[in-house]
PDB file of N, CA and C in Angstrom:
ATOM      1  N   UNK A   1      23.708   6.177  -5.058  1.00  0.00           N
ATOM      2  CA  UNK A   1      24.468   5.437  -4.084  1.00  0.00           C
ATOM      3  C   UNK A   1      23.976   3.990  -4.071  1.00  0.00           C
ATOM      4  N   UNK A   2      24.907   3.063  -3.954  1.00  0.00           N
ATOM      5  CA  UNK A   2      24.536   1.656  -3.844  1.00  0.00           C
ATOM      6  C   UNK A   2      24.038   1.365  -2.437  1.00  0.00           C
ATOM      7  N   UNK A   3      22.894   0.728  -2.348  1.00  0.00           N
ATOM      8  CA  UNK A   3      22.348   0.292  -1.073  1.00  0.00           C
ATOM      9  C   UNK A   3      22.688  -1.175  -0.860  1.00  0.00           C
ATOM     10  N   UNK A   4      22.546  -1.959  -1.916  1.00  0.00           N
ATOM     11  CA  UNK A   4      22.846  -3.395  -1.856  1.00  0.00           C
ATOM     12  C   UNK A   4      24.048  -3.672  -2.752  1.00  0.00           C
ATOM     13  N   UNK A   5      25.180  -3.918  -2.118  1.00  0.00           N
ATOM     14  CA  UNK A   5      26.401  -4.182  -2.870  1.00  0.00           C
ATOM     15  C   UNK A   5      26.329  -5.557  -3.538  1.00  0.00           C
ATOM     16  N   UNK A   6      25.742  -6.526  -2.856  1.00  0.00           N
ATOM     17  CA  UNK A   6      25.652  -7.892  -3.404  1.00  0.00           C
ATOM     18  C   UNK A   6      24.934  -7.919  -4.757  1.00  0.00           C
ATOM     19  N   UNK A   7      23.851  -7.157  -4.853  1.00  0.00           N
ATOM     20  CA  UNK A   7      23.037  -7.184  -6.062  1.00  0.00           C
ATOM     21  C   UNK A   7      23.145  -5.931  -6.915  1.00  0.00           C
ATOM     22  N   UNK A   8      23.809  -4.915  -6.415  1.00  0.00           N
ATOM     23  CA  UNK A   8      23.964  -3.686  -7.185  1.00  0.00           C
ATOM     24  C   UNK A   8      22.709  -2.830  -7.225  1.00  0.00           C
ATOM     25  N   UNK A   9      21.837  -2.960  -6.211  1.00  0.00           N
ATOM     26  CA  UNK A   9      20.632  -2.124  -6.168  1.00  0.00           C
ATOM     27  C   UNK A   9      21.006  -0.737  -5.663  1.00  0.00           C
ATOM     28  N   UNK A  10      20.562   0.264  -6.391  1.00  0.00           N
ATOM     29  CA  UNK A  10      20.858   1.652  -6.048  1.00  0.00           C
ATOM     30  C   UNK A  10      19.691   2.284  -5.278  1.00  0.00           C
ATOM     31  N   UNK A  11      20.014   3.327  -4.567  1.00  0.00           N
ATOM     32  CA  UNK A  11      18.998   4.065  -3.813  1.00  0.00           C
ATOM     33  C   UNK A  11      17.873   4.525  -4.737  1.00  0.00           C
ATOM     34  N   UNK A  12      18.218   5.047  -5.887  1.00  0.00           N
ATOM     35  CA  UNK A  12      17.206   5.559  -6.811  1.00  0.00           C
ATOM     36  C   UNK A  12      16.261   4.452  -7.282  1.00  0.00           C
ATOM     37  N   UNK A  13      16.781   3.262  -7.513  1.00  0.00           N
ATOM     38  CA  UNK A  13      15.942   2.133  -7.940  1.00  0.00           C
ATOM     39  C   UNK A  13      14.969   1.723  -6.838  1.00  0.00           C
ATOM     40  N   UNK A  14      15.456   1.706  -5.619  1.00  0.00           N
ATOM     41  CA  UNK A  14      14.604   1.325  -4.492  1.00  0.00           C
ATOM     42  C   UNK A  14      13.510   2.359  -4.287  1.00  0.00           C
ATOM     43  N   UNK A  15      13.878   3.632  -4.370  1.00  0.00           N
ATOM     44  CA  UNK A  15      12.881   4.701  -4.219  1.00  0.00           C
ATOM     45  C   UNK A  15      11.836   4.652  -5.344  1.00  0.00           C
ATOM     46  N   UNK A  16      12.277   4.432  -6.558  1.00  0.00           N
ATOM     47  CA  UNK A  16      11.336   4.358  -7.687  1.00  0.00           C
ATOM     48  C   UNK A  16      10.374   3.197  -7.528  1.00  0.00           C
ATOM     49  N   UNK A  17      10.872   2.044  -7.096  1.00  0.00           N
ATOM     50  CA  UNK A  17      10.009   0.881  -6.898  1.00  0.00           C
ATOM     51  C   UNK A  17       9.026   1.139  -5.764  1.00  0.00           C
ATOM     52  N   UNK A  18       9.480   1.786  -4.694  1.00  0.00           N
ATOM     53  CA  UNK A  18       8.589   2.108  -3.581  1.00  0.00           C
ATOM     54  C   UNK A  18       7.496   3.073  -4.029  1.00  0.00           C
ATOM     55  N   UNK A  19       7.844   3.990  -4.908  1.00  0.00           N
ATOM     56  CA  UNK A  19       6.875   4.967  -5.397  1.00  0.00           C
ATOM     57  C   UNK A  19       5.770   4.322  -6.241  1.00  0.00           C
ATOM     58  N   UNK A  20       6.001   3.111  -6.728  1.00  0.00           N
ATOM     59  CA  UNK A  20       4.953   2.411  -7.489  1.00  0.00           C
ATOM     60  C   UNK A  20       3.939   1.751  -6.568  1.00  0.00           C
ATOM     61  N   UNK A  21       4.228   1.769  -5.259  1.00  0.00           N
ATOM     62  CA  UNK A  21       3.302   1.195  -4.293  1.00  0.00           C
ATOM     63  C   UNK A  21       3.866   0.035  -3.500  1.00  0.00           C
ATOM     64  N   UNK A  22       5.031  -0.456  -3.878  1.00  0.00           N
ATOM     65  CA  UNK A  22       5.637  -1.553  -3.123  1.00  0.00           C
ATOM     66  C   UNK A  22       6.083  -1.028  -1.764  1.00  0.00           C
ATOM     67  N   UNK A  23       5.854  -1.826  -0.706  1.00  0.00           N
ATOM     68  CA  UNK A  23       6.109  -1.346   0.650  1.00  0.00           C
ATOM     69  C   UNK A  23       7.111  -2.187   1.427  1.00  0.00           C
ATOM     70  N   UNK A  24       7.653  -3.203   0.840  1.00  0.00           N
ATOM     71  CA  UNK A  24       8.544  -4.113   1.543  1.00  0.00           C
ATOM     72  C   UNK A  24       9.875  -4.199   0.784  1.00  0.00           C
ATOM     73  N   UNK A  25      10.993  -4.064   1.507  1.00  0.00           N
ATOM     74  CA  UNK A  25      12.301  -4.102   0.857  1.00  0.00           C
ATOM     75  C   UNK A  25      12.522  -5.419   0.127  1.00  0.00           C
ATOM     76  N   UNK A  26      12.147  -6.533   0.748  1.00  0.00           N
ATOM     77  CA  UNK A  26      12.319  -7.837   0.090  1.00  0.00           C
ATOM     78  C   UNK A  26      11.476  -7.928  -1.187  1.00  0.00           C
ATOM     79  N   UNK A  27      10.281  -7.388  -1.142  1.00  0.00           N
ATOM     80  CA  UNK A  27       9.402  -7.365  -2.313  1.00  0.00           C
ATOM     81  C   UNK A  27      10.022  -6.508  -3.422  1.00  0.00           C
ATOM     82  N   UNK A  28      10.584  -5.391  -3.047  1.00  0.00           N
ATOM     83  CA  UNK A  28      11.225  -4.500  -4.017  1.00  0.00           C
ATOM     84  C   UNK A  28      12.423  -5.190  -4.657  1.00  0.00           C
ATOM     85  N   UNK A  29      13.214  -5.892  -3.869  1.00  0.00           N
ATOM     86  CA  UNK A  29      14.359  -6.609  -4.421  1.00  0.00           C
ATOM     87  C   UNK A  29      13.894  -7.645  -5.446  1.00  0.00           C
ATOM     88  N   UNK A  30      12.841  -8.383  -5.111  1.00  0.00           N
ATOM     89  CA  UNK A  30      12.309  -9.366  -6.076  1.00  0.00           C
ATOM     90  C   UNK A  30      11.827  -8.664  -7.339  1.00  0.00           C
ATOM     91  N   UNK A  31      11.170  -7.527  -7.160  1.00  0.00           N
ATOM     92  CA  UNK A  31      10.692  -6.730  -8.297  1.00  0.00           C
ATOM     93  C   UNK A  31      11.860  -6.293  -9.190  1.00  0.00           C
ATOM     94  N   UNK A  32      12.988  -5.986  -8.566  1.00  0.00           N
ATOM     95  CA  UNK A  32      14.179  -5.575  -9.313  1.00  0.00           C
ATOM     96  C   UNK A  32      14.916  -6.758  -9.933  1.00  0.00           C
ATOM     97  N   UNK A  33      14.482  -7.964  -9.618  1.00  0.00           N
ATOM     98  CA  UNK A  33      15.042  -9.150 -10.256  1.00  0.00           C
ATOM     99  C   UNK A  33      16.107  -9.887  -9.477  1.00  0.00           C
ATOM    100  N   UNK A  34      16.454  -9.394  -8.289  1.00  0.00           N
ATOM    101  CA  UNK A  34      17.490 -10.048  -7.489  1.00  0.00           C
ATOM    102  C   UNK A  34      17.097  -9.980  -6.021  1.00  0.00           C
ATOM    103  N   UNK A  35      16.723 -11.105  -5.421  1.00  0.00           N
ATOM    104  CA  UNK A  35      16.350 -11.096  -4.010  1.00  0.00           C
ATOM    105  C   UNK A  35      17.567 -10.844  -3.123  1.00  0.00           C
ATOM    106  N   UNK A  36      17.347 -10.464  -1.859  1.00  0.00           N
ATOM    107  CA  UNK A  36      18.466 -10.198  -0.963  1.00  0.00           C
ATOM    108  C   UNK A  36      19.367 -11.419  -0.796  1.00  0.00           C
ATOM    109  N   UNK A  37      20.634 -11.161  -0.630  1.00  0.00           N
ATOM    110  CA  UNK A  37      21.600 -12.242  -0.387  1.00  0.00           C
ATOM    111  C   UNK A  37      22.009 -12.237   1.077  1.00  0.00           C
ATOM    112  N   UNK A  38      22.915 -11.361   1.457  1.00  0.00           N
ATOM    113  CA  UNK A  38      23.407 -11.374   2.842  1.00  0.00           C
ATOM    114  C   UNK A  38      22.427 -10.693   3.798  1.00  0.00           C
ATOM    115  N   UNK A  39      21.626  -9.752   3.303  1.00  0.00           N
ATOM    116  CA  UNK A  39      20.612  -9.101   4.118  1.00  0.00           C
ATOM    117  C   UNK A  39      21.066  -7.883   4.900  1.00  0.00           C
ATOM    118  N   UNK A  40      22.329  -7.538   4.854  1.00  0.00           N
ATOM    119  CA  UNK A  40      22.826  -6.397   5.633  1.00  0.00           C
ATOM    120  C   UNK A  40      22.217  -5.072   5.190  1.00  0.00           C
ATOM    121  N   UNK A  41      21.743  -4.997   3.991  1.00  0.00           N
ATOM    122  CA  UNK A  41      21.220  -3.754   3.436  1.00  0.00           C
ATOM    123  C   UNK A  41      19.724  -3.556   3.695  1.00  0.00           C
ATOM    124  N   UNK A  42      19.048  -4.573   4.187  1.00  0.00           N
ATOM    125  CA  UNK A  42      17.591  -4.517   4.281  1.00  0.00           C
ATOM    126  C   UNK A  42      17.080  -3.429   5.217  1.00  0.00           C
ATOM    127  N   UNK A  43      17.777  -3.154   6.313  1.00  0.00           N
ATOM    128  CA  UNK A  43      17.333  -2.085   7.212  1.00  0.00           C
ATOM    129  C   UNK A  43      17.371  -0.730   6.514  1.00  0.00           C
ATOM    130  N   UNK A  44      18.450  -0.459   5.807  1.00  0.00           N
ATOM    131  CA  UNK A  44      18.561   0.810   5.094  1.00  0.00           C
ATOM    132  C   UNK A  44      17.529   0.886   3.971  1.00  0.00           C
ATOM    133  N   UNK A  45      17.350  -0.194   3.247  1.00  0.00           N
ATOM    134  CA  UNK A  45      16.352  -0.226   2.171  1.00  0.00           C
ATOM    135  C   UNK A  45      14.958   0.024   2.741  1.00  0.00           C
ATOM    136  N   UNK A  46      14.651  -0.567   3.886  1.00  0.00           N
ATOM    137  CA  UNK A  46      13.345  -0.370   4.521  1.00  0.00           C
ATOM    138  C   UNK A  46      13.153   1.085   4.928  1.00  0.00           C
ATOM    139  N   UNK A  47      14.215   1.740   5.404  1.00  0.00           N
ATOM    140  CA  UNK A  47      14.130   3.158   5.757  1.00  0.00           C
ATOM    141  C   UNK A  47      13.821   4.008   4.535  1.00  0.00           C
ATOM    142  N   UNK A  48      14.439   3.670   3.405  1.00  0.00           N
ATOM    143  CA  UNK A  48      14.158   4.402   2.162  1.00  0.00           C
ATOM    144  C   UNK A  48      12.704   4.230   1.751  1.00  0.00           C
ATOM    145  N   UNK A  49      12.198   3.016   1.863  1.00  0.00           N
ATOM    146  CA  UNK A  49      10.796   2.740   1.532  1.00  0.00           C
ATOM    147  C   UNK A  49       9.884   3.555   2.445  1.00  0.00           C
ATOM    148  N   UNK A  50      10.180   3.582   3.735  1.00  0.00           N
ATOM    149  CA  UNK A  50       9.387   4.376   4.679  1.00  0.00           C
ATOM    150  C   UNK A  50       9.417   5.859   4.325  1.00  0.00           C
ATOM    151  N   UNK A  51      10.588   6.353   3.935  1.00  0.00           N
ATOM    152  CA  UNK A  51      10.696   7.764   3.535  1.00  0.00           C
ATOM    153  C   UNK A  51       9.804   8.066   2.355  1.00  0.00           C
ATOM    154  N   UNK A  52       9.818   7.189   1.364  1.00  0.00           N
ATOM    155  CA  UNK A  52       8.992   7.397   0.169  1.00  0.00           C
ATOM    156  C   UNK A  52       7.519   7.418   0.549  1.00  0.00           C
ATOM    157  N   UNK A  53       7.104   6.486   1.388  1.00  0.00           N
ATOM    158  CA  UNK A  53       5.690   6.365   1.731  1.00  0.00           C
ATOM    159  C   UNK A  53       5.231   7.390   2.753  1.00  0.00           C
ATOM    160  N   UNK A  54       6.153   8.054   3.431  1.00  0.00           N
ATOM    161  CA  UNK A  54       5.765   9.096   4.379  1.00  0.00           C
ATOM    162  C   UNK A  54       5.798  10.483   3.742  1.00  0.00           C
ATOM    163  N   UNK A  55       6.280  10.573   2.514  1.00  0.00           N
ATOM    164  CA  UNK A  55       6.329  11.854   1.806  1.00  0.00           C
ATOM    165  C   UNK A  55       4.909  12.359   1.575  1.00  0.00           C
ATOM    166  N   UNK A  56       4.667  13.659   1.751  1.00  0.00           N
ATOM    167  CA  UNK A  56       3.324  14.217   1.592  1.00  0.00           C
ATOM    168  C   UNK A  56       2.696  13.945   0.226  1.00  0.00           C
ATOM    169  N   UNK A  57       3.509  13.873  -0.812  1.00  0.00           N
ATOM    170  CA  UNK A  57       2.965  13.667  -2.155  1.00  0.00           C
ATOM    171  C   UNK A  57       2.479  12.241  -2.372  1.00  0.00           C
ATOM    172  N   UNK A  58       2.896  11.305  -1.524  1.00  0.00           N
ATOM    173  CA  UNK A  58       2.531   9.899  -1.702  1.00  0.00           C
ATOM    174  C   UNK A  58       1.333   9.590  -0.825  1.00  0.00           C
ATOM    175  N   UNK A  59       0.220   9.238  -1.442  1.00  0.00           N
ATOM    176  CA  UNK A  59      -1.011   8.967  -0.712  1.00  0.00           C
ATOM    177  C   UNK A  59      -1.567   7.606  -1.090  1.00  0.00           C
ATOM    178  N   UNK A  60      -0.831   6.545  -0.789  1.00  0.00           N
ATOM    179  CA  UNK A  60      -1.278   5.195  -1.113  1.00  0.00           C
ATOM    180  C   UNK A  60      -1.316   4.366   0.159  1.00  0.00           C
ATOM    181  N   UNK A  61      -2.340   3.561   0.299  1.00  0.00           N
ATOM    182  CA  UNK A  61      -2.454   2.689   1.477  1.00  0.00           C
ATOM    183  C   UNK A  61      -2.110   1.271   1.065  1.00  0.00           C
ATOM    184  N   UNK A  62      -0.861   0.926   1.102  1.00  0.00           N
ATOM    185  CA  UNK A  62      -0.426  -0.424   0.741  1.00  0.00           C
ATOM    186  C   UNK A  62      -0.219  -1.272   1.965  1.00  0.00           C
ATOM    187  N   UNK A  63       0.062  -2.546   1.768  1.00  0.00           N
ATOM    188  CA  UNK A  63       0.308  -3.465   2.876  1.00  0.00           C
ATOM    189  C   UNK A  63       1.705  -3.256   3.435  1.00  0.00           C
ATOM    190  N   UNK A  64       1.824  -3.406   4.724  1.00  0.00           N
ATOM    191  CA  UNK A  64       3.134  -3.323   5.352  1.00  0.00           C
ATOM    192  C   UNK A  64       3.862  -4.641   5.211  1.00  0.00           C
ATOM    193  N   UNK A  65       5.157  -4.573   5.209  1.00  0.00           N
ATOM    194  CA  UNK A  65       5.991  -5.757   5.103  1.00  0.00           C
ATOM    195  C   UNK A  65       6.080  -6.443   6.456  1.00  0.00           C
ATOM    196  N   UNK A  66       6.007  -7.747   6.441  1.00  0.00           N
ATOM    197  CA  UNK A  66       6.148  -8.464   7.722  1.00  0.00           C
ATOM    198  C   UNK A  66       7.456  -9.206   7.766  1.00  0.00           C
TER     199      UNK A  66
END
Protein backbone atom coordinates (compact mmCIF):
# COMPACT_ATOMS: atom_id res chain seq x y z
CA UNK A 1 0.00 0.00 0.00
CA UNK A 2 1.22 3.51 -0.77
CA UNK A 3 1.73 5.62 2.33
CA UNK A 4 3.19 8.67 0.58
CA UNK A 5 1.47 9.40 -2.70
CA UNK A 6 3.70 12.41 -3.45
CA UNK A 7 6.87 10.32 -3.39
CA UNK A 8 5.54 6.82 -3.98
CA UNK A 9 6.81 5.43 -0.66
CA UNK A 10 5.17 2.11 0.16
CA UNK A 11 4.35 0.65 3.54
CA UNK A 12 6.82 -2.18 2.99
CA UNK A 13 9.66 0.26 2.25
CA UNK A 14 8.96 2.27 5.38
CA UNK A 15 8.81 -0.86 7.52
CA UNK A 16 12.05 -2.21 6.04
CA UNK A 17 13.86 1.08 6.67
CA UNK A 18 12.54 1.19 10.24
CA UNK A 19 13.76 -2.36 10.79
CA UNK A 20 17.32 -1.19 10.01
CA UNK A 21 17.14 1.04 13.08
CA UNK A 22 15.79 4.30 11.69
CA UNK A 23 13.20 5.76 14.07
CA UNK A 24 11.94 8.93 12.41
CA UNK A 25 9.59 9.11 9.41
CA UNK A 26 11.41 12.14 7.98
CA UNK A 27 14.74 10.34 8.36
CA UNK A 28 13.32 7.28 6.61
CA UNK A 29 12.05 9.40 3.73
CA UNK A 30 15.52 10.92 3.30
CA UNK A 31 16.99 7.41 3.44
CA UNK A 32 14.60 6.38 0.66
CA UNK A 33 15.84 9.31 -1.43
CA UNK A 34 12.81 11.59 -1.34
CA UNK A 35 12.03 13.85 1.63
CA UNK A 36 8.40 14.60 2.55
CA UNK A 37 6.55 17.07 0.37
CA UNK A 38 3.05 17.88 1.63
CA UNK A 39 3.52 16.02 4.94
CA UNK A 40 0.03 14.51 5.15
CA UNK A 41 1.47 11.01 5.31
CA UNK A 42 3.92 11.59 8.16
CA UNK A 43 1.52 10.61 10.96
CA UNK A 44 0.77 7.27 9.33
CA UNK A 45 4.44 6.69 8.52
CA UNK A 46 5.34 7.43 12.15
CA UNK A 47 2.74 4.88 13.32
CA UNK A 48 4.32 2.26 11.07
CA UNK A 49 7.76 3.06 12.50
CA UNK A 50 6.37 2.74 16.04
CA UNK A 51 4.81 -0.62 15.15
CA UNK A 52 8.12 -1.93 13.85
CA UNK A 53 10.02 -0.76 16.92
CA UNK A 54 7.43 -2.09 19.37
CA UNK A 55 7.47 -5.58 17.83
CA UNK A 56 8.91 -8.17 20.26
CA UNK A 57 11.52 -9.30 17.74
CA UNK A 58 12.98 -5.78 17.46
CA UNK A 59 15.34 -4.98 20.32
CA UNK A 60 17.17 -1.79 19.33
CA UNK A 61 17.48 1.40 21.35
CA UNK A 62 17.58 4.14 18.74
CA UNK A 63 16.95 7.87 19.03
CA UNK A 64 13.41 9.14 18.91
CA UNK A 65 12.38 11.58 16.24
CA UNK A 66 11.77 15.14 17.34
